[in-house]
Amino acid sequence: MSELELIERAGKGDQSAFRLLYDDNVDRIYRLMYRMAGDQDLAMDFTQEAFVRAYQRLEQFRGDAAFSTWLHSIAVSVALNGLRKVDRHRKRERSLEDAAPVATKQVVSEPGLRERIARAVDALPDIYRTVFLMHDVEGYNHGEIAASLGVAEGTSKARLSRARAKLRDALGPAMQEYAG
């Protein structure tokens, strides 16, 4: 069954069709929510809220973009609004090591570098941090990011460039990978 057929069936109340859409997208949504919130409980809440909103708004999905892109725009909105409400976006102390592992290889780096990078990423303004996390951490392309955030692709690219510049300034030699 195609994704569009699943969406149509889910829109008509077929819970099993929506469950398939959920299963196909939940891991990626959760990882993004965790990266944005820095807190497992908030990430789980934001993930759940994003899917509830998506289910409630299925009739608004026009199919102009992929379902995952539409869902990510809802999830980013949920996370940004949720972070503002609980005023936690500057108080995150939880290490990324608390998240379930995504990569299989380990890289040895200077002591404390992971914490310095996490603090520097957390200190980025929301508009830059979101694009940085979506592109460089989660692997979204600029088209997906632009569609999710409701901005032009060029805006996504510019925000990523500014985020990297701010990280280079904050981290100095640790950011050589992003130089030039």
N, C-alpha and C. Protein backbone atom coordinates (compact mmCIF):
# COMPACT_ATOMS: atom_id res chain seq x y z
N MET A 1 0.84 -1.17 0.00
CA MET A 1 0.00 0.00 0.00
C MET A 1 0.89 1.24 0.00
N SER A 2 0.56 2.21 -0.84
CA SER A 2 1.38 3.42 -0.95
C SER A 2 1.14 4.34 0.23
N GLU A 3 2.05 5.28 0.41
CA GLU A 3 1.93 6.25 1.49
C GLU A 3 0.66 7.08 1.33
N LEU A 4 0.35 7.47 0.11
CA LEU A 4 -0.86 8.27 -0.12
C LEU A 4 -2.12 7.48 0.23
N GLU A 5 -2.13 6.19 -0.08
CA GLU A 5 -3.27 5.35 0.29
C GLU A 5 -3.39 5.24 1.81
N LEU A 6 -2.24 5.11 2.48
CA LEU A 6 -2.26 5.07 3.94
C LEU A 6 -2.82 6.36 4.52
N ILE A 7 -2.39 7.48 3.97
CA ILE A 7 -2.85 8.78 4.44
C ILE A 7 -4.36 8.91 4.23
N GLU A 8 -4.82 8.50 3.06
CA GLU A 8 -6.25 8.57 2.77
C GLU A 8 -7.05 7.70 3.74
N ARG A 9 -6.57 6.48 3.96
CA ARG A 9 -7.27 5.58 4.88
C ARG A 9 -7.22 6.11 6.32
N ALA A 10 -6.08 6.63 6.71
CA ALA A 10 -5.96 7.18 8.07
C ALA A 10 -6.88 8.38 8.24
N GLY A 11 -7.00 9.19 7.20
CA GLY A 11 -7.90 10.34 7.24
C GLY A 11 -9.35 9.95 7.40
N LYS A 12 -9.67 8.73 7.01
CA LYS A 12 -11.04 8.23 7.15
C LYS A 12 -11.23 7.46 8.45
N GLY A 13 -10.21 7.53 9.32
CA GLY A 13 -10.35 6.91 10.63
C GLY A 13 -9.71 5.54 10.79
N ASP A 14 -9.00 5.07 9.77
CA ASP A 14 -8.35 3.75 9.86
C ASP A 14 -7.10 3.87 10.74
N GLN A 15 -7.23 3.41 11.98
CA GLN A 15 -6.13 3.52 12.95
C GLN A 15 -4.91 2.70 12.54
N SER A 16 -5.13 1.56 11.91
CA SER A 16 -3.99 0.73 11.52
C SER A 16 -3.17 1.41 10.42
N ALA A 17 -3.83 2.15 9.54
CA ALA A 17 -3.12 2.89 8.50
C ALA A 17 -2.27 3.99 9.13
N PHE A 18 -2.84 4.70 10.10
CA PHE A 18 -2.06 5.75 10.77
C PHE A 18 -0.90 5.12 11.55
N ARG A 19 -1.13 3.97 12.13
CA ARG A 19 -0.07 3.28 12.88
C ARG A 19 1.12 2.98 11.96
N LEU A 20 0.84 2.58 10.72
CA LEU A 20 1.92 2.32 9.76
C LEU A 20 2.69 3.60 9.44
N LEU A 21 1.96 4.70 9.28
CA LEU A 21 2.62 5.99 9.05
C LEU A 21 3.46 6.38 10.26
N TYR A 22 2.93 6.15 11.44
CA TYR A 22 3.65 6.43 12.69
C TYR A 22 4.93 5.60 12.74
N ASP A 23 4.81 4.30 12.52
CA ASP A 23 5.97 3.41 12.60
C ASP A 23 7.06 3.81 11.61
N ASP A 24 6.66 4.29 10.44
CA ASP A 24 7.64 4.69 9.43
C ASP A 24 8.39 5.97 9.79
N ASN A 25 7.82 6.80 10.66
CA ASN A 25 8.38 8.12 10.91
C ASN A 25 8.80 8.40 12.35
N VAL A 26 8.39 7.60 13.29
CA VAL A 26 8.57 7.94 14.71
C VAL A 26 10.04 8.05 15.12
N ASP A 27 10.89 7.17 14.64
CA ASP A 27 12.29 7.21 15.07
C ASP A 27 12.97 8.53 14.67
N ARG A 28 12.76 8.94 13.45
CA ARG A 28 13.41 10.16 12.97
C ARG A 28 12.83 11.40 13.67
N ILE A 29 11.52 11.40 13.90
CA ILE A 29 10.90 12.51 14.62
C ILE A 29 11.45 12.57 16.05
N TYR A 30 11.51 11.41 16.71
CA TYR A 30 12.00 11.39 18.09
C TYR A 30 13.44 11.89 18.17
N ARG A 31 14.30 11.43 17.27
CA ARG A 31 15.71 11.88 17.30
C ARG A 31 15.79 13.39 17.16
N LEU A 32 15.02 13.95 16.25
CA LEU A 32 15.03 15.40 16.07
C LEU A 32 14.51 16.09 17.32
N MET A 33 13.44 15.58 17.89
CA MET A 33 12.87 16.19 19.10
C MET A 33 13.86 16.11 20.26
N TYR A 34 14.57 14.99 20.36
CA TYR A 34 15.57 14.85 21.42
C TYR A 34 16.70 15.86 21.23
N ARG A 35 17.15 15.99 20.00
CA ARG A 35 18.23 16.94 19.72
C ARG A 35 17.79 18.37 20.02
N MET A 36 16.55 18.68 19.72
CA MET A 36 16.07 20.04 19.96
C MET A 36 15.80 20.30 21.44
N ALA A 37 15.24 19.32 22.14
CA ALA A 37 14.85 19.52 23.53
C ALA A 37 15.98 19.20 24.50
N GLY A 38 16.85 18.25 24.15
CA GLY A 38 17.93 17.87 25.05
C GLY A 38 17.43 17.12 26.28
N ASP A 39 16.22 16.66 26.23
CA ASP A 39 15.61 16.00 27.39
C ASP A 39 14.72 14.88 26.86
N GLN A 40 14.93 13.67 27.36
CA GLN A 40 14.21 12.50 26.87
C GLN A 40 12.70 12.64 27.08
N ASP A 41 12.29 13.08 28.25
CA ASP A 41 10.85 13.21 28.52
C ASP A 41 10.20 14.25 27.62
N LEU A 42 10.86 15.39 27.45
CA LEU A 42 10.31 16.41 26.55
C LEU A 42 10.26 15.90 25.12
N ALA A 43 11.31 15.19 24.71
CA ALA A 43 11.34 14.65 23.35
C ALA A 43 10.19 13.68 23.13
N MET A 44 9.92 12.85 24.11
CA MET A 44 8.81 11.91 23.98
C MET A 44 7.47 12.66 23.93
N ASP A 45 7.33 13.68 24.78
CA ASP A 45 6.10 14.48 24.77
C ASP A 45 5.92 15.20 23.45
N PHE A 46 6.99 15.81 22.95
CA PHE A 46 6.91 16.54 21.68
C PHE A 46 6.61 15.59 20.52
N THR A 47 7.22 14.40 20.55
CA THR A 47 6.97 13.41 19.50
C THR A 47 5.50 13.01 19.51
N GLN A 48 4.98 12.71 20.69
CA GLN A 48 3.57 12.32 20.80
C GLN A 48 2.66 13.46 20.33
N GLU A 49 2.95 14.67 20.77
CA GLU A 49 2.13 15.81 20.38
C GLU A 49 2.17 16.04 18.87
N ALA A 50 3.32 15.86 18.27
CA ALA A 50 3.44 16.03 16.82
C ALA A 50 2.55 15.04 16.08
N PHE A 51 2.53 13.80 16.52
CA PHE A 51 1.70 12.80 15.86
C PHE A 51 0.21 13.03 16.13
N VAL A 52 -0.13 13.49 17.31
CA VAL A 52 -1.53 13.81 17.60
C VAL A 52 -1.99 14.94 16.68
N ARG A 53 -1.17 15.98 16.56
CA ARG A 53 -1.53 17.09 15.68
C ARG A 53 -1.62 16.65 14.23
N ALA A 54 -0.68 15.81 13.81
CA ALA A 54 -0.71 15.32 12.43
C ALA A 54 -2.00 14.54 12.17
N TYR A 55 -2.38 13.70 13.11
CA TYR A 55 -3.61 12.91 12.95
C TYR A 55 -4.82 13.83 12.87
N GLN A 56 -4.84 14.85 13.70
CA GLN A 56 -5.97 15.79 13.71
C GLN A 56 -6.03 16.62 12.44
N ARG A 57 -4.89 16.78 11.78
CA ARG A 57 -4.83 17.65 10.60
C ARG A 57 -4.60 16.89 9.30
N LEU A 58 -4.84 15.61 9.30
CA LEU A 58 -4.59 14.83 8.08
C LEU A 58 -5.32 15.38 6.87
N GLU A 59 -6.51 15.93 7.07
CA GLU A 59 -7.27 16.47 5.95
C GLU A 59 -6.57 17.69 5.34
N GLN A 60 -5.63 18.30 6.08
CA GLN A 60 -4.89 19.45 5.57
C GLN A 60 -3.68 19.04 4.73
N PHE A 61 -3.31 17.76 4.77
CA PHE A 61 -2.17 17.30 3.98
C PHE A 61 -2.59 17.28 2.52
N ARG A 62 -1.89 18.09 1.70
CA ARG A 62 -2.25 18.22 0.28
C ARG A 62 -1.41 17.32 -0.62
N GLY A 63 -0.33 16.82 -0.12
CA GLY A 63 0.53 15.97 -0.95
C GLY A 63 1.52 16.75 -1.79
N ASP A 64 1.64 18.07 -1.55
CA ASP A 64 2.60 18.88 -2.30
C ASP A 64 4.03 18.46 -1.97
N ALA A 65 4.24 18.05 -0.74
CA ALA A 65 5.55 17.57 -0.27
C ALA A 65 5.34 16.16 0.28
N ALA A 66 6.43 15.51 0.60
CA ALA A 66 6.34 14.18 1.20
C ALA A 66 5.66 14.28 2.56
N PHE A 67 4.99 13.22 2.95
CA PHE A 67 4.33 13.18 4.26
C PHE A 67 5.34 13.45 5.37
N SER A 68 6.54 12.87 5.24
CA SER A 68 7.56 13.05 6.28
C SER A 68 7.95 14.52 6.41
N THR A 69 8.02 15.24 5.31
CA THR A 69 8.35 16.66 5.35
C THR A 69 7.25 17.44 6.06
N TRP A 70 6.01 17.14 5.72
CA TRP A 70 4.86 17.79 6.36
C TRP A 70 4.86 17.49 7.86
N LEU A 71 5.11 16.24 8.20
CA LEU A 71 5.14 15.83 9.60
C LEU A 71 6.27 16.54 10.36
N HIS A 72 7.43 16.67 9.72
CA HIS A 72 8.56 17.34 10.36
C HIS A 72 8.27 18.82 10.61
N SER A 73 7.53 19.46 9.71
CA SER A 73 7.19 20.86 9.95
C SER A 73 6.29 20.98 11.17
N ILE A 74 5.39 20.04 11.36
CA ILE A 74 4.55 20.03 12.55
C ILE A 74 5.42 19.78 13.78
N ALA A 75 6.32 18.81 13.70
CA ALA A 75 7.16 18.46 14.84
C ALA A 75 8.07 19.62 15.26
N VAL A 76 8.66 20.29 14.31
CA VAL A 76 9.53 21.43 14.63
C VAL A 76 8.72 22.53 15.31
N SER A 77 7.53 22.78 14.81
CA SER A 77 6.66 23.78 15.43
C SER A 77 6.30 23.39 16.86
N VAL A 78 5.96 22.12 17.06
CA VAL A 78 5.63 21.62 18.40
C VAL A 78 6.83 21.82 19.33
N ALA A 79 8.01 21.46 18.86
CA ALA A 79 9.21 21.56 19.71
C ALA A 79 9.53 23.01 20.05
N LEU A 80 9.52 23.87 19.05
CA LEU A 80 9.86 25.27 19.32
C LEU A 80 8.85 25.91 20.26
N ASN A 81 7.59 25.65 20.04
CA ASN A 81 6.56 26.20 20.94
C ASN A 81 6.67 25.59 22.33
N GLY A 82 6.93 24.29 22.40
CA GLY A 82 7.06 23.63 23.68
C GLY A 82 8.26 24.13 24.47
N LEU A 83 9.36 24.36 23.78
CA LEU A 83 10.56 24.87 24.46
C LEU A 83 10.33 26.28 25.00
N ARG A 84 9.60 27.06 24.24
CA ARG A 84 9.28 28.41 24.73
C ARG A 84 8.40 28.33 25.96
N LYS A 85 7.41 27.44 25.93
CA LYS A 85 6.47 27.34 27.05
C LYS A 85 7.16 26.93 28.33
N VAL A 86 8.05 25.97 28.27
CA VAL A 86 8.69 25.48 29.50
C VAL A 86 10.02 26.17 29.79
N ASP A 87 10.41 27.08 28.89
CA ASP A 87 11.63 27.87 29.09
C ASP A 87 12.82 27.00 29.44
N ARG A 88 12.97 25.90 28.72
CA ARG A 88 14.05 24.97 29.01
C ARG A 88 15.17 25.02 27.98
N HIS A 89 15.02 25.75 26.91
CA HIS A 89 16.00 25.67 25.83
C HIS A 89 17.39 26.17 26.22
N ARG A 90 17.50 26.92 27.32
CA ARG A 90 18.84 27.35 27.76
C ARG A 90 19.30 26.61 29.01
N LYS A 91 18.51 25.68 29.52
CA LYS A 91 18.83 25.01 30.78
C LYS A 91 19.16 23.53 30.58
N ARG A 92 19.35 23.13 29.33
CA ARG A 92 19.61 21.71 29.08
C ARG A 92 21.01 21.33 29.52
N GLU A 93 21.10 20.31 30.31
CA GLU A 93 22.39 19.84 30.81
C GLU A 93 22.64 18.38 30.45
N ARG A 94 21.64 17.71 29.95
CA ARG A 94 21.74 16.30 29.65
C ARG A 94 22.68 16.07 28.47
N SER A 95 23.53 15.10 28.57
CA SER A 95 24.49 14.78 27.53
C SER A 95 23.81 14.03 26.39
N LEU A 96 24.33 14.21 25.19
CA LEU A 96 23.81 13.45 24.06
C LEU A 96 24.07 11.95 24.22
N GLU A 97 24.97 11.60 25.11
CA GLU A 97 25.24 10.18 25.36
C GLU A 97 24.05 9.48 26.00
N ASP A 98 23.12 10.24 26.59
CA ASP A 98 21.93 9.65 27.18
C ASP A 98 20.95 9.15 26.13
N ALA A 99 21.05 9.67 24.92
CA ALA A 99 20.16 9.24 23.85
C ALA A 99 20.59 7.86 23.36
N ALA A 100 19.63 7.14 22.81
CA ALA A 100 19.96 5.85 22.22
C ALA A 100 20.98 6.07 21.11
N PRO A 101 21.97 5.20 20.99
CA PRO A 101 23.02 5.40 19.98
C PRO A 101 22.44 5.39 18.57
N VAL A 102 22.94 6.32 17.76
CA VAL A 102 22.51 6.40 16.38
C VAL A 102 23.63 5.89 15.47
N ALA A 103 24.86 6.24 15.79
CA ALA A 103 26.01 5.83 14.98
C ALA A 103 26.65 4.60 15.60
N THR A 104 27.38 3.85 14.77
CA THR A 104 28.01 2.63 15.27
C THR A 104 29.49 2.81 15.57
N LYS A 105 30.13 3.85 15.02
CA LYS A 105 31.55 4.02 15.29
C LYS A 105 31.77 5.10 16.33
N GLN A 106 32.82 4.96 17.10
CA GLN A 106 33.15 5.93 18.13
C GLN A 106 34.40 6.68 17.71
N VAL A 107 34.39 7.98 17.92
CA VAL A 107 35.54 8.81 17.60
C VAL A 107 36.11 9.33 18.92
N VAL A 108 37.42 9.20 19.06
CA VAL A 108 38.09 9.68 20.26
C VAL A 108 38.47 11.14 20.02
N SER A 109 38.14 12.00 20.95
CA SER A 109 38.44 13.42 20.80
C SER A 109 39.00 13.97 22.10
N GLU A 110 39.35 15.24 22.06
CA GLU A 110 39.92 15.87 23.25
C GLU A 110 38.91 15.82 24.39
N PRO A 111 39.40 15.71 25.61
CA PRO A 111 38.50 15.65 26.77
C PRO A 111 37.61 16.89 26.86
N GLY A 112 36.35 16.68 27.13
CA GLY A 112 35.42 17.78 27.30
C GLY A 112 34.89 18.37 26.01
N LEU A 113 35.37 17.87 24.86
CA LEU A 113 34.95 18.45 23.59
C LEU A 113 33.45 18.25 23.36
N ARG A 114 32.94 17.08 23.67
CA ARG A 114 31.52 16.80 23.46
C ARG A 114 30.65 17.81 24.23
N GLU A 115 31.04 18.08 25.47
CA GLU A 115 30.27 19.03 26.28
C GLU A 115 30.39 20.45 25.73
N ARG A 116 31.59 20.81 25.27
CA ARG A 116 31.78 22.15 24.69
C ARG A 116 30.94 22.32 23.44
N ILE A 117 30.92 21.29 22.61
CA ILE A 117 30.11 21.35 21.39
C ILE A 117 28.63 21.43 21.74
N ALA A 118 28.18 20.60 22.68
CA ALA A 118 26.76 20.62 23.08
C ALA A 118 26.36 21.99 23.61
N ARG A 119 27.23 22.61 24.42
CA ARG A 119 26.92 23.94 24.95
C ARG A 119 26.89 24.98 23.83
N ALA A 120 27.82 24.85 22.89
CA ALA A 120 27.86 25.81 21.78
C ALA A 120 26.63 25.67 20.89
N VAL A 121 26.22 24.44 20.62
CA VAL A 121 25.01 24.22 19.82
C VAL A 121 23.79 24.75 20.57
N ASP A 122 23.71 24.47 21.87
CA ASP A 122 22.59 24.96 22.68
C ASP A 122 22.51 26.47 22.70
N ALA A 123 23.66 27.14 22.60
CA ALA A 123 23.70 28.60 22.67
C ALA A 123 23.29 29.26 21.36
N LEU A 124 23.19 28.48 20.27
CA LEU A 124 22.77 29.06 19.00
C LEU A 124 21.32 29.54 19.10
N PRO A 125 21.00 30.64 18.43
CA PRO A 125 19.59 31.05 18.35
C PRO A 125 18.76 29.92 17.72
N ASP A 126 17.49 29.82 18.10
CA ASP A 126 16.63 28.73 17.63
C ASP A 126 16.65 28.54 16.11
N ILE A 127 16.60 29.63 15.35
CA ILE A 127 16.51 29.50 13.89
C ILE A 127 17.77 28.86 13.31
N TYR A 128 18.93 29.12 13.92
CA TYR A 128 20.17 28.52 13.44
C TYR A 128 20.33 27.09 13.98
N ARG A 129 20.03 26.91 15.26
CA ARG A 129 20.18 25.58 15.89
C ARG A 129 19.30 24.55 15.19
N THR A 130 18.07 24.94 14.86
CA THR A 130 17.15 24.00 14.22
C THR A 130 17.70 23.53 12.88
N VAL A 131 18.14 24.47 12.05
CA VAL A 131 18.69 24.10 10.74
C VAL A 131 19.96 23.28 10.91
N PHE A 132 20.83 23.67 11.83
CA PHE A 132 22.07 22.93 12.06
C PHE A 132 21.76 21.49 12.46
N LEU A 133 20.87 21.32 13.42
CA LEU A 133 20.53 19.97 13.88
C LEU A 133 19.89 19.14 12.77
N MET A 134 18.97 19.75 12.04
CA MET A 134 18.30 19.00 10.97
C MET A 134 19.28 18.60 9.87
N HIS A 135 20.18 19.52 9.48
CA HIS A 135 21.08 19.23 8.36
C HIS A 135 22.30 18.41 8.79
N ASP A 136 23.08 18.95 9.72
CA ASP A 136 24.36 18.34 10.04
C ASP A 136 24.26 17.15 10.99
N VAL A 137 23.24 17.12 11.83
CA VAL A 137 23.12 16.03 12.79
C VAL A 137 22.18 14.94 12.27
N GLU A 138 21.02 15.34 11.77
CA GLU A 138 20.02 14.36 11.35
C GLU A 138 20.05 14.03 9.86
N GLY A 139 20.76 14.82 9.06
CA GLY A 139 20.95 14.48 7.65
C GLY A 139 19.86 14.92 6.69
N TYR A 140 19.01 15.84 7.08
CA TYR A 140 18.00 16.35 6.16
C TYR A 140 18.69 17.21 5.11
N ASN A 141 18.12 17.24 3.90
CA ASN A 141 18.68 18.13 2.88
C ASN A 141 17.97 19.48 2.97
N HIS A 142 18.50 20.47 2.27
CA HIS A 142 17.97 21.82 2.40
C HIS A 142 16.53 21.92 1.88
N GLY A 143 16.18 21.11 0.90
CA GLY A 143 14.80 21.11 0.42
C GLY A 143 13.83 20.65 1.49
N GLU A 144 14.20 19.59 2.20
CA GLU A 144 13.36 19.07 3.29
C GLU A 144 13.26 20.08 4.43
N ILE A 145 14.40 20.69 4.76
CA ILE A 145 14.41 21.68 5.85
C ILE A 145 13.55 22.87 5.47
N ALA A 146 13.72 23.36 4.26
CA ALA A 146 12.95 24.53 3.80
C ALA A 146 11.45 24.23 3.86
N ALA A 147 11.06 23.06 3.40
CA ALA A 147 9.64 22.70 3.42
C ALA A 147 9.14 22.56 4.85
N SER A 148 9.94 21.97 5.72
CA SER A 148 9.54 21.78 7.12
C SER A 148 9.38 23.09 7.86
N LEU A 149 10.26 24.04 7.57
CA LEU A 149 10.25 25.30 8.30
C LEU A 149 9.47 26.40 7.59
N GLY A 150 9.04 26.13 6.36
CA GLY A 150 8.29 27.13 5.61
C GLY A 150 9.14 28.30 5.16
N VAL A 151 10.40 28.01 4.79
CA VAL A 151 11.31 29.05 4.30
C VAL A 151 11.87 28.61 2.95
N ALA A 152 12.55 29.53 2.29
CA ALA A 152 13.20 29.19 1.02
C ALA A 152 14.45 28.35 1.28
N GLU A 153 14.84 27.55 0.28
CA GLU A 153 16.05 26.74 0.41
C GLU A 153 17.27 27.61 0.69
N GLY A 154 17.33 28.75 0.04
CA GLY A 154 18.45 29.69 0.27
C GLY A 154 18.50 30.16 1.71
N THR A 155 17.35 30.34 2.31
CA THR A 155 17.30 30.74 3.72
C THR A 155 17.85 29.64 4.60
N SER A 156 17.49 28.40 4.28
CA SER A 156 18.01 27.26 5.03
C SER A 156 19.53 27.20 4.91
N LYS A 157 20.04 27.38 3.72
CA LYS A 157 21.49 27.36 3.50
C LYS A 157 22.19 28.50 4.24
N ALA A 158 21.58 29.68 4.20
CA ALA A 158 22.17 30.83 4.88
C ALA A 158 22.19 30.61 6.39
N ARG A 159 21.10 30.07 6.93
CA ARG A 159 21.04 29.82 8.37
C ARG A 159 22.07 28.78 8.79
N LEU A 160 22.26 27.75 7.97
CA LEU A 160 23.27 26.74 8.28
C LEU A 160 24.66 27.37 8.25
N SER A 161 24.91 28.21 7.28
CA SER A 161 26.21 28.88 7.18
C SER A 161 26.45 29.75 8.41
N ARG A 162 25.44 30.47 8.83
CA ARG A 162 25.58 31.32 10.02
C ARG A 162 25.77 30.49 11.28
N ALA A 163 25.05 29.38 11.36
CA ALA A 163 25.20 28.49 12.53
C ALA A 163 26.63 27.96 12.60
N ARG A 164 27.15 27.52 11.47
CA ARG A 164 28.52 27.00 11.44
C ARG A 164 29.53 28.08 11.80
N ALA A 165 29.31 29.30 11.31
CA ALA A 165 30.22 30.40 11.63
C ALA A 165 30.20 30.68 13.13
N LYS A 166 29.01 30.69 13.72
CA LYS A 166 28.91 30.93 15.16
C LYS A 166 29.58 29.80 15.94
N LEU A 167 29.45 28.56 15.46
CA LEU A 167 30.11 27.43 16.13
C LEU A 167 31.62 27.52 15.97
N ARG A 168 32.10 27.92 14.79
CA ARG A 168 33.54 28.10 14.59
C ARG A 168 34.08 29.13 15.57
N ASP A 169 33.35 30.25 15.70
CA ASP A 169 33.79 31.30 16.63
C ASP A 169 33.80 30.78 18.07
N ALA A 170 32.78 30.03 18.44
CA ALA A 170 32.66 29.55 19.82
C ALA A 170 33.66 28.45 20.14
N LEU A 171 33.99 27.62 19.15
CA LEU A 171 34.81 26.43 19.42
C LEU A 171 36.23 26.52 18.91
N GLY A 172 36.52 27.47 18.06
CA GLY A 172 37.88 27.63 17.56
C GLY A 172 38.39 26.40 16.84
N PRO A 173 39.55 25.86 17.25
CA PRO A 173 40.19 24.74 16.55
C PRO A 173 39.34 23.46 16.49
N ALA A 174 38.42 23.29 17.41
CA ALA A 174 37.60 22.08 17.42
C ALA A 174 36.69 22.01 16.20
N MET A 175 36.50 23.13 15.51
CA MET A 175 35.58 23.17 14.37
C MET A 175 36.32 23.24 13.03
N GLN A 176 37.52 22.76 12.95
CA GLN A 176 38.30 22.81 11.71
C GLN A 176 37.56 22.13 10.55
N GLU A 177 36.77 21.10 10.86
CA GLU A 177 36.01 20.38 9.82
C GLU A 177 35.10 21.33 9.06
N TYR A 178 34.61 22.40 9.72
CA TYR A 178 33.67 23.33 9.09
C TYR A 178 34.35 24.59 8.59
N ALA A 179 35.66 24.63 8.61
CA ALA A 179 36.37 25.82 8.13
C ALA A 179 36.22 25.92 6.62
N GLY A 180 36.03 27.12 6.17
CA GLY A 180 35.97 27.44 4.75
C GLY A 180 34.94 26.71 4.07
